[in-house]
């Protein structure tokens, strides 16, 4: 059916938007959570997210193997992947290098876009702020942008979520020049 990418800053409402969209679609939902509890604060965040999900949704906790998990879900179900930024963090934590991460991102995005059911991928836009002061931070920021592009390139719809509001993002080919007389 389709791949939707929801991109935005931290606490912008991306997960809530993904959940609302899944409700509108009205199909069974599988929620793939990529977060891992490395400390108490993160464990609390994960617990809070769990309690916010509807009881009828299936939750799969998968920090790295997204393509394999997608293959095991009913083709007609709606899938929410939350989130690609944490998936990238986990991949970098395993020692995966940039070419391997981008290859995996392209494969996951292609698999998600090729499903019969809707896939909604949640991700952070980390490139709008300051340049990170260290090489690892800069590598992460740059790679997050590249991973996001892999998914957006396969998506049928991409939206920027800001303060709970959803802004559709256009491809250049869809842009209308206001100087053109119609």
C-alpha atoms as a PDB file:
ATOM      1  CA  UNK A   1       0.000   0.000   0.000  1.00  0.00           C
ATOM      2  CA  UNK A   2       2.258   2.793   1.210  1.00  0.00           C
ATOM      3  CA  UNK A   3       5.015   4.151   3.377  1.00  0.00           C
ATOM      4  CA  UNK A   4       4.452   7.315   5.387  1.00  0.00           C
ATOM      5  CA  UNK A   5       7.400   9.053   7.047  1.00  0.00           C
ATOM      6  CA  UNK A   6       6.759  11.367   9.994  1.00  0.00           C
ATOM      7  CA  UNK A   7       9.782  13.512  10.761  1.00  0.00           C
ATOM      8  CA  UNK A   8      10.214  16.179  13.405  1.00  0.00           C
ATOM      9  CA  UNK A   9      11.978  17.272  16.538  1.00  0.00           C
ATOM     10  CA  UNK A  10      11.901  15.657  19.953  1.00  0.00           C
ATOM     11  CA  UNK A  11       8.472  15.749  21.602  1.00  0.00           C
ATOM     12  CA  UNK A  12       6.908  17.293  18.487  1.00  0.00           C
ATOM     13  CA  UNK A  13       3.992  14.839  18.411  1.00  0.00           C
ATOM     14  CA  UNK A  14       5.311  12.324  15.866  1.00  0.00           C
ATOM     15  CA  UNK A  15       4.286   9.216  17.814  1.00  0.00           C
ATOM     16  CA  UNK A  16       0.843  10.618  18.598  1.00  0.00           C
ATOM     17  CA  UNK A  17       0.392  11.474  14.925  1.00  0.00           C
ATOM     18  CA  UNK A  18       1.447   7.956  13.904  1.00  0.00           C
ATOM     19  CA  UNK A  19      -1.057   6.476  16.353  1.00  0.00           C
ATOM     20  CA  UNK A  20      -3.874   8.732  15.116  1.00  0.00           C
ATOM     21  CA  UNK A  21      -3.110   7.810  11.512  1.00  0.00           C
ATOM     22  CA  UNK A  22      -3.104   4.103  12.381  1.00  0.00           C
ATOM     23  CA  UNK A  23      -6.521   4.523  14.039  1.00  0.00           C
ATOM     24  CA  UNK A  24      -7.866   6.243  10.902  1.00  0.00           C
ATOM     25  CA  UNK A  25      -6.683   3.377   8.706  1.00  0.00           C
ATOM     26  CA  UNK A  26      -8.670   0.956  10.834  1.00  0.00           C
ATOM     27  CA  UNK A  27      -6.590  -2.186  10.261  1.00  0.00           C
ATOM     28  CA  UNK A  28      -4.833  -4.267  12.940  1.00  0.00           C
ATOM     29  CA  UNK A  29      -1.688  -2.477  14.139  1.00  0.00           C
ATOM     30  CA  UNK A  30       1.765  -3.843  14.859  1.00  0.00           C
ATOM     31  CA  UNK A  31       4.003  -1.391  16.664  1.00  0.00           C
ATOM     32  CA  UNK A  32       7.743  -1.970  16.255  1.00  0.00           C
ATOM     33  CA  UNK A  33       9.576  -0.240  19.091  1.00  0.00           C
ATOM     34  CA  UNK A  34      13.311   0.287  18.583  1.00  0.00           C
ATOM     35  CA  UNK A  35      14.131   1.825  21.976  1.00  0.00           C
ATOM     36  CA  UNK A  36      16.292  -0.011  24.499  1.00  0.00           C
ATOM     37  CA  UNK A  37      16.406   0.750  28.204  1.00  0.00           C
ATOM     38  CA  UNK A  38      20.024   1.670  28.840  1.00  0.00           C
ATOM     39  CA  UNK A  39      19.212   3.576  32.030  1.00  0.00           C
ATOM     40  CA  UNK A  40      16.346   4.246  34.441  1.00  0.00           C
ATOM     41  CA  UNK A  41      15.140   7.385  32.661  1.00  0.00           C
ATOM     42  CA  UNK A  42      14.933   5.573  29.314  1.00  0.00           C
ATOM     43  CA  UNK A  43      13.153   2.636  30.967  1.00  0.00           C
ATOM     44  CA  UNK A  44      10.541   5.094  32.284  1.00  0.00           C
ATOM     45  CA  UNK A  45      10.105   6.570  28.782  1.00  0.00           C
ATOM     46  CA  UNK A  46       9.602   3.108  27.309  1.00  0.00           C
ATOM     47  CA  UNK A  47       7.051   2.225  30.009  1.00  0.00           C
ATOM     48  CA  UNK A  48       5.164   5.476  29.375  1.00  0.00           C
ATOM     49  CA  UNK A  49       5.016   4.739  25.628  1.00  0.00           C
ATOM     50  CA  UNK A  50       3.794   1.177  26.324  1.00  0.00           C
ATOM     51  CA  UNK A  51       0.915   2.387  28.486  1.00  0.00           C
ATOM     52  CA  UNK A  52      -0.139   4.937  25.850  1.00  0.00           C
ATOM     53  CA  UNK A  53      -0.616   2.252  23.157  1.00  0.00           C
ATOM     54  CA  UNK A  54      -4.048   0.684  22.680  1.00  0.00           C
ATOM     55  CA  UNK A  55      -4.389  -2.752  24.279  1.00  0.00           C
ATOM     56  CA  UNK A  56      -5.300  -4.429  20.971  1.00  0.00           C
ATOM     57  CA  UNK A  57      -2.053  -3.475  19.256  1.00  0.00           C
ATOM     58  CA  UNK A  58       0.751  -5.982  18.920  1.00  0.00           C
ATOM     59  CA  UNK A  59       4.085  -4.596  20.124  1.00  0.00           C
ATOM     60  CA  UNK A  60       7.398  -5.969  18.909  1.00  0.00           C
ATOM     61  CA  UNK A  61      10.543  -4.673  20.550  1.00  0.00           C
ATOM     62  CA  UNK A  62      13.287  -4.829  17.951  1.00  0.00           C
ATOM     63  CA  UNK A  63      16.345  -2.580  18.221  1.00  0.00           C
ATOM     64  CA  UNK A  64      18.111  -3.538  14.954  1.00  0.00           C
ATOM     65  CA  UNK A  65      16.554  -6.255  12.742  1.00  0.00           C
ATOM     66  CA  UNK A  66      13.703  -4.260  11.229  1.00  0.00           C
ATOM     67  CA  UNK A  67      13.673  -5.879   7.790  1.00  0.00           C
ATOM     68  CA  UNK A  68      13.329  -9.377   9.264  1.00  0.00           C
ATOM     69  CA  UNK A  69      10.553  -8.200  11.592  1.00  0.00           C
ATOM     70  CA  UNK A  70       8.627  -6.560   8.744  1.00  0.00           C
ATOM     71  CA  UNK A  71       8.675  -9.851   6.853  1.00  0.00           C
ATOM     72  CA  UNK A  72       6.955 -11.637   9.721  1.00  0.00           C
ATOM     73  CA  UNK A  73       3.940  -9.297   9.974  1.00  0.00           C
ATOM     74  CA  UNK A  74       0.649  -9.798   8.126  1.00  0.00           C
ATOM     75  CA  UNK A  75       0.807  -7.962   4.782  1.00  0.00           C
ATOM     76  CA  UNK A  76      -2.454  -6.100   5.419  1.00  0.00           C
ATOM     77  CA  UNK A  77      -1.724  -4.874   8.941  1.00  0.00           C
ATOM     78  CA  UNK A  78      -0.662  -1.337   9.656  1.00  0.00           C
ATOM     79  CA  UNK A  79       2.869  -1.098  11.028  1.00  0.00           C
ATOM     80  CA  UNK A  80       4.342   1.742  13.045  1.00  0.00           C
ATOM     81  CA  UNK A  81       8.139   1.825  13.308  1.00  0.00           C
ATOM     82  CA  UNK A  82       9.088   4.081  16.210  1.00  0.00           C
ATOM     83  CA  UNK A  83      11.719   5.242  15.701  1.00  0.00           C
ATOM     84  CA  UNK A  84      14.387   5.236  12.996  1.00  0.00           C
ATOM     85  CA  UNK A  85      16.678   7.529  14.977  1.00  0.00           C
ATOM     86  CA  UNK A  86      16.889   5.040  17.839  1.00  0.00           C
ATOM     87  CA  UNK A  87      17.351   2.234  15.301  1.00  0.00           C
ATOM     88  CA  UNK A  88      20.344   4.174  13.927  1.00  0.00           C
ATOM     89  CA  UNK A  89      21.723   4.629  17.448  1.00  0.00           C
ATOM     90  CA  UNK A  90      21.395   0.896  18.040  1.00  0.00           C
ATOM     91  CA  UNK A  91      23.051   0.059  14.713  1.00  0.00           C
ATOM     92  CA  UNK A  92      25.970   2.361  15.456  1.00  0.00           C
ATOM     93  CA  UNK A  93      26.208   0.755  18.901  1.00  0.00           C
ATOM     94  CA  UNK A  94      26.674  -2.665  17.294  1.00  0.00           C
ATOM     95  CA  UNK A  95      29.650  -1.313  15.349  1.00  0.00           C
ATOM     96  CA  UNK A  96      27.872  -1.268  11.985  1.00  0.00           C
ATOM     97  CA  UNK A  97      29.573   1.116   9.570  1.00  0.00           C
ATOM     98  CA  UNK A  98      27.922   3.736   7.368  1.00  0.00           C
ATOM     99  CA  UNK A  99      27.733   1.633   4.168  1.00  0.00           C
ATOM    100  CA  UNK A 100      26.124  -1.267   6.062  1.00  0.00           C
ATOM    101  CA  UNK A 101      23.666   1.030   7.840  1.00  0.00           C
ATOM    102  CA  UNK A 102      22.627   2.734   4.612  1.00  0.00           C
ATOM    103  CA  UNK A 103      22.282  -0.616   2.840  1.00  0.00           C
ATOM    104  CA  UNK A 104      20.039  -1.838   5.677  1.00  0.00           C
ATOM    105  CA  UNK A 105      18.035   1.420   5.664  1.00  0.00           C
ATOM    106  CA  UNK A 106      17.406   1.148   1.917  1.00  0.00           C
ATOM    107  CA  UNK A 107      16.324  -2.498   2.276  1.00  0.00           C
ATOM    108  CA  UNK A 108      13.979  -1.720   5.188  1.00  0.00           C
ATOM    109  CA  UNK A 109      12.460   1.277   3.399  1.00  0.00           C
ATOM    110  CA  UNK A 110      11.936  -0.746   0.232  1.00  0.00           C
ATOM    111  CA  UNK A 111      10.328  -3.607   2.159  1.00  0.00           C
ATOM    112  CA  UNK A 112       8.078  -1.170   4.037  1.00  0.00           C
ATOM    113  CA  UNK A 113       7.011   0.608   0.840  1.00  0.00           C
ATOM    114  CA  UNK A 114       6.331  -2.701  -0.906  1.00  0.00           C
ATOM    115  CA  UNK A 115       3.868  -4.022   1.670  1.00  0.00           C
ATOM    116  CA  UNK A 116       0.124  -4.173   0.988  1.00  0.00           C
ATOM    117  CA  UNK A 117      -0.635  -2.495   4.314  1.00  0.00           C
ATOM    118  CA  UNK A 118       0.441   0.935   5.502  1.00  0.00           C
ATOM    119  CA  UNK A 119       3.804   1.384   7.201  1.00  0.00           C
ATOM    120  CA  UNK A 120       4.349   4.534   9.244  1.00  0.00           C
ATOM    121  CA  UNK A 121       7.967   5.330  10.077  1.00  0.00           C
ATOM    122  CA  UNK A 122       8.711   7.854  12.836  1.00  0.00           C
ATOM    123  CA  UNK A 123      12.076   9.632  12.824  1.00  0.00           C
ATOM    124  CA  UNK A 124      13.795  12.688  14.238  1.00  0.00           C
ATOM    125  CA  UNK A 125      15.087  15.637  12.284  1.00  0.00           C
ATOM    126  CA  UNK A 126      18.436  16.221  13.970  1.00  0.00           C
ATOM    127  CA  UNK A 127      20.078  18.426  11.360  1.00  0.00           C
ATOM    128  CA  UNK A 128      18.321  21.707  12.121  1.00  0.00           C
ATOM    129  CA  UNK A 129      20.304  22.553  15.245  1.00  0.00           C
ATOM    130  CA  UNK A 130      23.887  23.317  16.069  1.00  0.00           C
ATOM    131  CA  UNK A 131      26.765  21.407  14.533  1.00  0.00           C
ATOM    132  CA  UNK A 132      27.751  18.802  17.142  1.00  0.00           C
ATOM    133  CA  UNK A 133      31.087  19.596  18.808  1.00  0.00           C
ATOM    134  CA  UNK A 134      32.607  16.124  18.372  1.00  0.00           C
ATOM    135  CA  UNK A 135      33.171  13.697  15.483  1.00  0.00           C
ATOM    136  CA  UNK A 136      30.728  11.037  16.748  1.00  0.00           C
ATOM    137  CA  UNK A 137      27.950  13.612  17.090  1.00  0.00           C
ATOM    138  CA  UNK A 138      28.607  14.939  13.585  1.00  0.00           C
ATOM    139  CA  UNK A 139      28.720  11.406  12.178  1.00  0.00           C
ATOM    140  CA  UNK A 140      25.390  10.593  13.830  1.00  0.00           C
ATOM    141  CA  UNK A 141      23.726  13.795  12.609  1.00  0.00           C
ATOM    142  CA  UNK A 142      24.918  13.266   9.039  1.00  0.00           C
ATOM    143  CA  UNK A 143      24.011   9.587   9.002  1.00  0.00           C
ATOM    144  CA  UNK A 144      20.555  10.300  10.466  1.00  0.00           C
ATOM    145  CA  UNK A 145      19.928  12.664   7.570  1.00  0.00           C
ATOM    146  CA  UNK A 146      21.014  10.002   5.089  1.00  0.00           C
ATOM    147  CA  UNK A 147      18.860   7.305   6.708  1.00  0.00           C
ATOM    148  CA  UNK A 148      15.880   9.664   6.643  1.00  0.00           C
ATOM    149  CA  UNK A 149      16.468  10.270   2.931  1.00  0.00           C
ATOM    150  CA  UNK A 150      16.477   6.500   2.280  1.00  0.00           C
ATOM    151  CA  UNK A 151      12.998   6.288   3.776  1.00  0.00           C
ATOM    152  CA  UNK A 152      11.644   9.487   2.266  1.00  0.00           C
ATOM    153  CA  UNK A 153      12.851   8.403  -1.185  1.00  0.00           C
ATOM    154  CA  UNK A 154      10.605   5.300  -0.868  1.00  0.00           C
ATOM    155  CA  UNK A 155       7.662   7.029   0.794  1.00  0.00           C
ATOM    156  CA  UNK A 156       4.386   8.019  -0.790  1.00  0.00           C
ATOM    157  CA  UNK A 157       3.867  10.659   1.894  1.00  0.00           C
ATOM    158  CA  UNK A 158       6.255  12.541   4.160  1.00  0.00           C
ATOM    159  CA  UNK A 159       5.155  14.998   6.815  1.00  0.00           C
ATOM    160  CA  UNK A 160       7.011  17.303   9.161  1.00  0.00           C
ATOM    161  CA  UNK A 161       5.454  17.261  12.628  1.00  0.00           C
ATOM    162  CA  UNK A 162       5.923  20.477  14.613  1.00  0.00           C
ATOM    163  CA  UNK A 163       4.194  21.147  17.948  1.00  0.00           C
ATOM    164  CA  UNK A 164       1.561  18.533  17.142  1.00  0.00           C
ATOM    165  CA  UNK A 165       0.784  19.981  13.726  1.00  0.00           C
ATOM    166  CA  UNK A 166       1.373  18.043  10.530  1.00  0.00           C
ATOM    167  CA  UNK A 167       2.897  19.723   7.491  1.00  0.00           C
ATOM    168  CA  UNK A 168       3.024  17.715   4.244  1.00  0.00           C
ATOM    169  CA  UNK A 169       6.393  17.909   2.517  1.00  0.00           C
ATOM    170  CA  UNK A 170       6.421  18.205  -1.249  1.00  0.00           C
ATOM    171  CA  UNK A 171       8.781  16.747  -3.780  1.00  0.00           C
ATOM    172  CA  UNK A 172      10.398  19.330  -6.013  1.00  0.00           C
ATOM    173  CA  UNK A 173       8.415  17.947  -8.949  1.00  0.00           C
ATOM    174  CA  UNK A 174       5.172  18.779  -7.072  1.00  0.00           C
ATOM    175  CA  UNK A 175       6.185  22.350  -6.356  1.00  0.00           C
ATOM    176  CA  UNK A 176       4.196  24.979  -8.205  1.00  0.00           C
ATOM    177  CA  UNK A 177       6.054  28.131  -9.124  1.00  0.00           C
ATOM    178  CA  UNK A 178       3.853  31.052  -8.023  1.00  0.00           C
ATOM    179  CA  UNK A 179       5.178  33.068 -10.960  1.00  0.00           C
ATOM    180  CA  UNK A 180       3.576  30.660 -13.433  1.00  0.00           C
ATOM    181  CA  UNK A 181       0.326  31.897 -14.912  1.00  0.00           C
ATOM    182  CA  UNK A 182      -2.284  29.179 -14.869  1.00  0.00           C
END
